[in-house]
Amino acid sequence: MNPSWIYLGIAILAEVVATSALKASDGFTRPLPAAVTAIGYGLAFYLLALALKTIPVGIAYAVWSGAGIVAIAIIGYFVFGQALDAAALFGIGLILAGVLVLNVFSGSGGH
């Protein structure tokens, strides 16, 4: 496996942790979640930059945003009690389908 995809996967995890901590920081009024947010986003963007050395930016960003949306929606539901209606779930499903199509059928991803 291309190490850039590993960098991208870890970048997505760091971004999801940072976004979850951002919600928990309560407008940056709680120091620990605020620090996790800053560190997480810094790590996420550093690793994204490494991934972009070999993965086309459009593909990397599609995977980044699609995976992040799905992960944050799940965390929002289970951790923060945020419900999603049928239209939101359908839209997230379309995003996930698009990311899968890019990765399975597109030759642009540099796999």
N, C-alpha and C. Protein backbone atom coordinates (compact mmCIF):
# COMPACT_ATOMS: atom_id res chain seq x y z
N MET A 1 0.85 -1.19 0.00
CA MET A 1 0.00 0.00 0.00
C MET A 1 0.89 1.24 0.00
N ASN A 2 0.49 2.21 -0.78
CA ASN A 2 1.19 3.49 -0.86
C ASN A 2 1.13 4.19 0.51
N PRO A 3 2.29 4.59 1.06
CA PRO A 3 2.26 5.24 2.38
C PRO A 3 1.42 6.51 2.41
N SER A 4 1.21 7.14 1.26
CA SER A 4 0.39 8.35 1.24
C SER A 4 -1.03 8.06 1.68
N TRP A 5 -1.54 6.88 1.37
CA TRP A 5 -2.89 6.52 1.80
C TRP A 5 -2.94 6.30 3.30
N ILE A 6 -1.84 5.80 3.86
CA ILE A 6 -1.77 5.65 5.32
C ILE A 6 -1.75 7.04 5.97
N TYR A 7 -0.94 7.95 5.40
CA TYR A 7 -0.92 9.33 5.91
C TYR A 7 -2.31 9.95 5.85
N LEU A 8 -3.00 9.72 4.73
CA LEU A 8 -4.33 10.29 4.58
C LEU A 8 -5.29 9.70 5.63
N GLY A 9 -5.22 8.40 5.85
CA GLY A 9 -6.08 7.78 6.86
C GLY A 9 -5.85 8.32 8.25
N ILE A 10 -4.59 8.48 8.62
CA ILE A 10 -4.27 9.03 9.94
C ILE A 10 -4.68 10.50 10.01
N ALA A 11 -4.51 11.23 8.90
CA ALA A 11 -4.94 12.64 8.85
C ALA A 11 -6.44 12.75 9.09
N ILE A 12 -7.20 11.85 8.49
CA ILE A 12 -8.66 11.85 8.68
C ILE A 12 -8.99 11.58 10.15
N LEU A 13 -8.33 10.60 10.74
CA LEU A 13 -8.57 10.30 12.16
C LEU A 13 -8.24 11.50 13.03
N ALA A 14 -7.12 12.16 12.75
CA ALA A 14 -6.73 13.34 13.53
C ALA A 14 -7.75 14.46 13.37
N GLU A 15 -8.25 14.64 12.15
CA GLU A 15 -9.25 15.69 11.90
C GLU A 15 -10.56 15.38 12.63
N VAL A 16 -10.96 14.12 12.63
CA VAL A 16 -12.20 13.73 13.31
C VAL A 16 -12.06 13.92 14.82
N VAL A 17 -10.92 13.55 15.38
CA VAL A 17 -10.69 13.78 16.81
C VAL A 17 -10.71 15.28 17.10
N ALA A 18 -10.04 16.07 16.24
CA ALA A 18 -9.98 17.52 16.45
C ALA A 18 -11.37 18.15 16.36
N THR A 19 -12.17 17.72 15.41
CA THR A 19 -13.51 18.27 15.27
C THR A 19 -14.39 17.89 16.45
N SER A 20 -14.26 16.67 16.92
CA SER A 20 -15.01 16.25 18.11
C SER A 20 -14.59 17.06 19.33
N ALA A 21 -13.29 17.29 19.46
CA ALA A 21 -12.79 18.09 20.58
C ALA A 21 -13.24 19.54 20.44
N LEU A 22 -13.36 20.03 19.21
CA LEU A 22 -13.84 21.40 18.99
C LEU A 22 -15.24 21.56 19.56
N LYS A 23 -16.10 20.58 19.31
CA LYS A 23 -17.45 20.61 19.89
C LYS A 23 -17.37 20.58 21.40
N ALA A 24 -16.50 19.72 21.93
CA ALA A 24 -16.36 19.58 23.38
C ALA A 24 -15.70 20.80 24.03
N SER A 25 -14.99 21.61 23.24
CA SER A 25 -14.28 22.76 23.81
C SER A 25 -15.24 23.87 24.22
N ASP A 26 -16.50 23.78 23.80
CA ASP A 26 -17.51 24.76 24.16
C ASP A 26 -17.06 26.19 23.83
N GLY A 27 -16.73 26.37 22.54
CA GLY A 27 -16.31 27.70 22.09
C GLY A 27 -14.92 28.08 22.58
N PHE A 28 -14.05 27.09 22.71
CA PHE A 28 -12.68 27.28 23.20
C PHE A 28 -12.64 27.81 24.63
N THR A 29 -13.65 27.48 25.43
CA THR A 29 -13.66 27.88 26.84
C THR A 29 -13.13 26.77 27.74
N ARG A 30 -12.94 25.59 27.20
CA ARG A 30 -12.39 24.47 27.97
C ARG A 30 -10.99 24.16 27.44
N PRO A 31 -9.95 24.36 28.25
CA PRO A 31 -8.58 24.29 27.75
C PRO A 31 -8.15 22.94 27.15
N LEU A 32 -8.49 21.84 27.79
CA LEU A 32 -8.01 20.55 27.28
C LEU A 32 -8.61 20.22 25.91
N PRO A 33 -9.94 20.29 25.73
CA PRO A 33 -10.46 20.04 24.38
C PRO A 33 -9.96 21.06 23.36
N ALA A 34 -9.73 22.30 23.78
CA ALA A 34 -9.20 23.31 22.86
C ALA A 34 -7.79 22.94 22.41
N ALA A 35 -6.98 22.44 23.33
CA ALA A 35 -5.62 22.02 22.99
C ALA A 35 -5.64 20.81 22.06
N VAL A 36 -6.52 19.85 22.34
CA VAL A 36 -6.66 18.68 21.47
C VAL A 36 -7.07 19.12 20.06
N THR A 37 -7.95 20.10 19.99
CA THR A 37 -8.38 20.63 18.69
C THR A 37 -7.20 21.19 17.91
N ALA A 38 -6.42 22.05 18.54
CA ALA A 38 -5.29 22.69 17.85
C ALA A 38 -4.25 21.66 17.41
N ILE A 39 -3.91 20.75 18.30
CA ILE A 39 -2.91 19.73 17.97
C ILE A 39 -3.44 18.79 16.89
N GLY A 40 -4.70 18.39 17.02
CA GLY A 40 -5.30 17.49 16.04
C GLY A 40 -5.35 18.07 14.65
N TYR A 41 -5.77 19.33 14.54
CA TYR A 41 -5.81 19.96 13.22
C TYR A 41 -4.41 20.15 12.65
N GLY A 42 -3.45 20.51 13.50
CA GLY A 42 -2.07 20.65 13.03
C GLY A 42 -1.54 19.35 12.47
N LEU A 43 -1.74 18.26 13.20
CA LEU A 43 -1.31 16.94 12.75
C LEU A 43 -2.04 16.54 11.48
N ALA A 44 -3.34 16.78 11.45
CA ALA A 44 -4.14 16.41 10.28
C ALA A 44 -3.64 17.10 9.01
N PHE A 45 -3.39 18.39 9.09
CA PHE A 45 -2.94 19.12 7.90
C PHE A 45 -1.51 18.75 7.51
N TYR A 46 -0.66 18.47 8.48
CA TYR A 46 0.69 18.01 8.17
C TYR A 46 0.64 16.69 7.39
N LEU A 47 -0.14 15.74 7.91
CA LEU A 47 -0.24 14.44 7.25
C LEU A 47 -0.95 14.54 5.90
N LEU A 48 -1.93 15.43 5.80
CA LEU A 48 -2.58 15.65 4.50
C LEU A 48 -1.55 16.18 3.50
N ALA A 49 -0.70 17.08 3.92
CA ALA A 49 0.34 17.60 3.04
C ALA A 49 1.27 16.49 2.56
N LEU A 50 1.62 15.56 3.43
CA LEU A 50 2.45 14.43 3.02
C LEU A 50 1.71 13.54 2.02
N ALA A 51 0.42 13.32 2.27
CA ALA A 51 -0.37 12.49 1.37
C ALA A 51 -0.48 13.11 -0.02
N LEU A 52 -0.54 14.43 -0.06
CA LEU A 52 -0.71 15.13 -1.34
C LEU A 52 0.53 15.09 -2.22
N LYS A 53 1.63 14.54 -1.71
CA LYS A 53 2.81 14.38 -2.55
C LYS A 53 2.55 13.41 -3.69
N THR A 54 1.66 12.42 -3.45
CA THR A 54 1.41 11.43 -4.50
C THR A 54 -0.07 11.23 -4.83
N ILE A 55 -0.96 11.64 -3.95
CA ILE A 55 -2.40 11.49 -4.22
C ILE A 55 -2.90 12.81 -4.81
N PRO A 56 -3.62 12.76 -5.93
CA PRO A 56 -4.17 14.01 -6.48
C PRO A 56 -5.06 14.72 -5.45
N VAL A 57 -4.96 16.04 -5.42
CA VAL A 57 -5.65 16.82 -4.39
C VAL A 57 -7.16 16.60 -4.41
N GLY A 58 -7.76 16.49 -5.58
CA GLY A 58 -9.21 16.28 -5.65
C GLY A 58 -9.63 14.95 -5.05
N ILE A 59 -8.85 13.91 -5.32
CA ILE A 59 -9.15 12.59 -4.78
C ILE A 59 -8.94 12.58 -3.27
N ALA A 60 -7.80 13.13 -2.83
CA ALA A 60 -7.51 13.15 -1.39
C ALA A 60 -8.58 13.92 -0.64
N TYR A 61 -8.99 15.05 -1.19
CA TYR A 61 -9.97 15.87 -0.48
C TYR A 61 -11.34 15.22 -0.49
N ALA A 62 -11.68 14.52 -1.56
CA ALA A 62 -12.96 13.80 -1.58
C ALA A 62 -12.99 12.71 -0.52
N VAL A 63 -11.91 11.96 -0.41
CA VAL A 63 -11.83 10.91 0.60
C VAL A 63 -11.83 11.54 2.00
N TRP A 64 -11.03 12.58 2.18
CA TRP A 64 -10.93 13.29 3.47
C TRP A 64 -12.30 13.77 3.92
N SER A 65 -12.98 14.49 3.04
CA SER A 65 -14.26 15.09 3.45
C SER A 65 -15.35 14.03 3.60
N GLY A 66 -15.38 13.07 2.69
CA GLY A 66 -16.41 12.02 2.79
C GLY A 66 -16.27 11.19 4.05
N ALA A 67 -15.07 10.73 4.31
CA ALA A 67 -14.85 9.92 5.52
C ALA A 67 -15.08 10.76 6.78
N GLY A 68 -14.65 12.01 6.74
CA GLY A 68 -14.85 12.89 7.90
C GLY A 68 -16.31 13.15 8.19
N ILE A 69 -17.09 13.39 7.13
CA ILE A 69 -18.53 13.63 7.30
C ILE A 69 -19.21 12.42 7.94
N VAL A 70 -18.91 11.25 7.42
CA VAL A 70 -19.54 10.04 7.95
C VAL A 70 -19.13 9.82 9.41
N ALA A 71 -17.83 9.95 9.69
CA ALA A 71 -17.35 9.72 11.05
C ALA A 71 -17.93 10.74 12.03
N ILE A 72 -17.95 12.01 11.65
CA ILE A 72 -18.47 13.04 12.55
C ILE A 72 -19.98 12.87 12.75
N ALA A 73 -20.70 12.45 11.72
CA ALA A 73 -22.14 12.21 11.88
C ALA A 73 -22.38 11.09 12.89
N ILE A 74 -21.57 10.04 12.81
CA ILE A 74 -21.71 8.92 13.75
C ILE A 74 -21.35 9.36 15.17
N ILE A 75 -20.25 10.09 15.31
CA ILE A 75 -19.84 10.59 16.63
C ILE A 75 -20.88 11.56 17.17
N GLY A 76 -21.39 12.43 16.30
CA GLY A 76 -22.42 13.37 16.73
C GLY A 76 -23.64 12.66 17.28
N TYR A 77 -24.02 11.58 16.64
CA TYR A 77 -25.19 10.81 17.09
C TYR A 77 -24.93 10.12 18.43
N PHE A 78 -23.80 9.37 18.51
CA PHE A 78 -23.56 8.57 19.70
C PHE A 78 -22.97 9.35 20.87
N VAL A 79 -22.15 10.32 20.61
CA VAL A 79 -21.48 11.04 21.70
C VAL A 79 -22.23 12.30 22.11
N PHE A 80 -22.72 13.05 21.11
CA PHE A 80 -23.35 14.34 21.40
C PHE A 80 -24.87 14.31 21.30
N GLY A 81 -25.45 13.14 21.01
CA GLY A 81 -26.90 13.01 20.96
C GLY A 81 -27.58 13.80 19.85
N GLN A 82 -26.89 13.99 18.73
CA GLN A 82 -27.43 14.77 17.62
C GLN A 82 -28.08 13.82 16.61
N ALA A 83 -29.37 13.97 16.43
CA ALA A 83 -30.11 13.10 15.52
C ALA A 83 -30.00 13.58 14.09
N LEU A 84 -30.09 12.63 13.15
CA LEU A 84 -30.09 12.94 11.72
C LEU A 84 -31.41 12.44 11.13
N ASP A 85 -32.02 13.27 10.29
CA ASP A 85 -33.25 12.82 9.66
C ASP A 85 -32.93 12.00 8.41
N ALA A 86 -33.97 11.49 7.76
CA ALA A 86 -33.79 10.61 6.60
C ALA A 86 -33.04 11.30 5.47
N ALA A 87 -33.33 12.57 5.22
CA ALA A 87 -32.65 13.30 4.15
C ALA A 87 -31.15 13.43 4.45
N ALA A 88 -30.81 13.70 5.68
CA ALA A 88 -29.40 13.80 6.06
C ALA A 88 -28.69 12.46 5.88
N LEU A 89 -29.34 11.39 6.31
CA LEU A 89 -28.75 10.06 6.15
C LEU A 89 -28.59 9.69 4.67
N PHE A 90 -29.58 10.05 3.86
CA PHE A 90 -29.50 9.78 2.42
C PHE A 90 -28.34 10.56 1.80
N GLY A 91 -28.20 11.83 2.16
CA GLY A 91 -27.12 12.65 1.64
C GLY A 91 -25.75 12.12 2.04
N ILE A 92 -25.62 11.72 3.28
CA ILE A 92 -24.36 11.14 3.75
C ILE A 92 -24.07 9.84 3.00
N GLY A 93 -25.11 9.06 2.75
CA GLY A 93 -24.94 7.83 1.97
C GLY A 93 -24.45 8.12 0.56
N LEU A 94 -24.96 9.18 -0.06
CA LEU A 94 -24.49 9.56 -1.39
C LEU A 94 -23.02 9.97 -1.37
N ILE A 95 -22.63 10.70 -0.34
CA ILE A 95 -21.23 11.10 -0.20
C ILE A 95 -20.34 9.87 -0.06
N LEU A 96 -20.75 8.96 0.79
CA LEU A 96 -19.99 7.73 0.99
C LEU A 96 -19.91 6.93 -0.30
N ALA A 97 -21.01 6.86 -1.04
CA ALA A 97 -21.00 6.15 -2.32
C ALA A 97 -20.03 6.80 -3.30
N GLY A 98 -19.98 8.11 -3.32
CA GLY A 98 -19.05 8.82 -4.19
C GLY A 98 -17.60 8.52 -3.85
N VAL A 99 -17.28 8.49 -2.58
CA VAL A 99 -15.92 8.17 -2.15
C VAL A 99 -15.57 6.74 -2.55
N LEU A 100 -16.51 5.82 -2.39
CA LEU A 100 -16.27 4.43 -2.79
C LEU A 100 -16.05 4.31 -4.29
N VAL A 101 -16.85 5.01 -5.08
CA VAL A 101 -16.68 4.98 -6.53
C VAL A 101 -15.30 5.50 -6.92
N LEU A 102 -14.89 6.61 -6.31
CA LEU A 102 -13.55 7.15 -6.59
C LEU A 102 -12.46 6.13 -6.30
N ASN A 103 -12.57 5.46 -5.18
CA ASN A 103 -11.52 4.54 -4.77
C ASN A 103 -11.55 3.20 -5.49
N VAL A 104 -12.72 2.74 -5.86
CA VAL A 104 -12.82 1.42 -6.47
C VAL A 104 -12.71 1.49 -8.00
N PHE A 105 -13.33 2.49 -8.61
CA PHE A 105 -13.44 2.50 -10.07
C PHE A 105 -12.58 3.55 -10.78
N SER A 106 -12.11 4.55 -10.08
CA SER A 106 -11.36 5.62 -10.73
C SER A 106 -9.87 5.29 -10.78
N GLY A 107 -9.26 5.56 -11.91
CA GLY A 107 -7.82 5.42 -12.03
C GLY A 107 -7.09 6.66 -11.57
N SER A 108 -7.80 7.68 -11.14
CA SER A 108 -7.18 8.95 -10.75
C SER A 108 -6.55 8.92 -9.37
N GLY A 109 -6.87 7.94 -8.58
CA GLY A 109 -6.44 7.93 -7.19
C GLY A 109 -5.00 7.57 -6.94
N GLY A 110 -4.31 7.07 -7.92
CA GLY A 110 -2.92 6.73 -7.73
C GLY A 110 -2.69 5.55 -6.78
N HIS A 111 -3.59 4.56 -6.79
CA HIS A 111 -3.47 3.39 -5.92
C HIS A 111 -2.29 2.55 -6.35
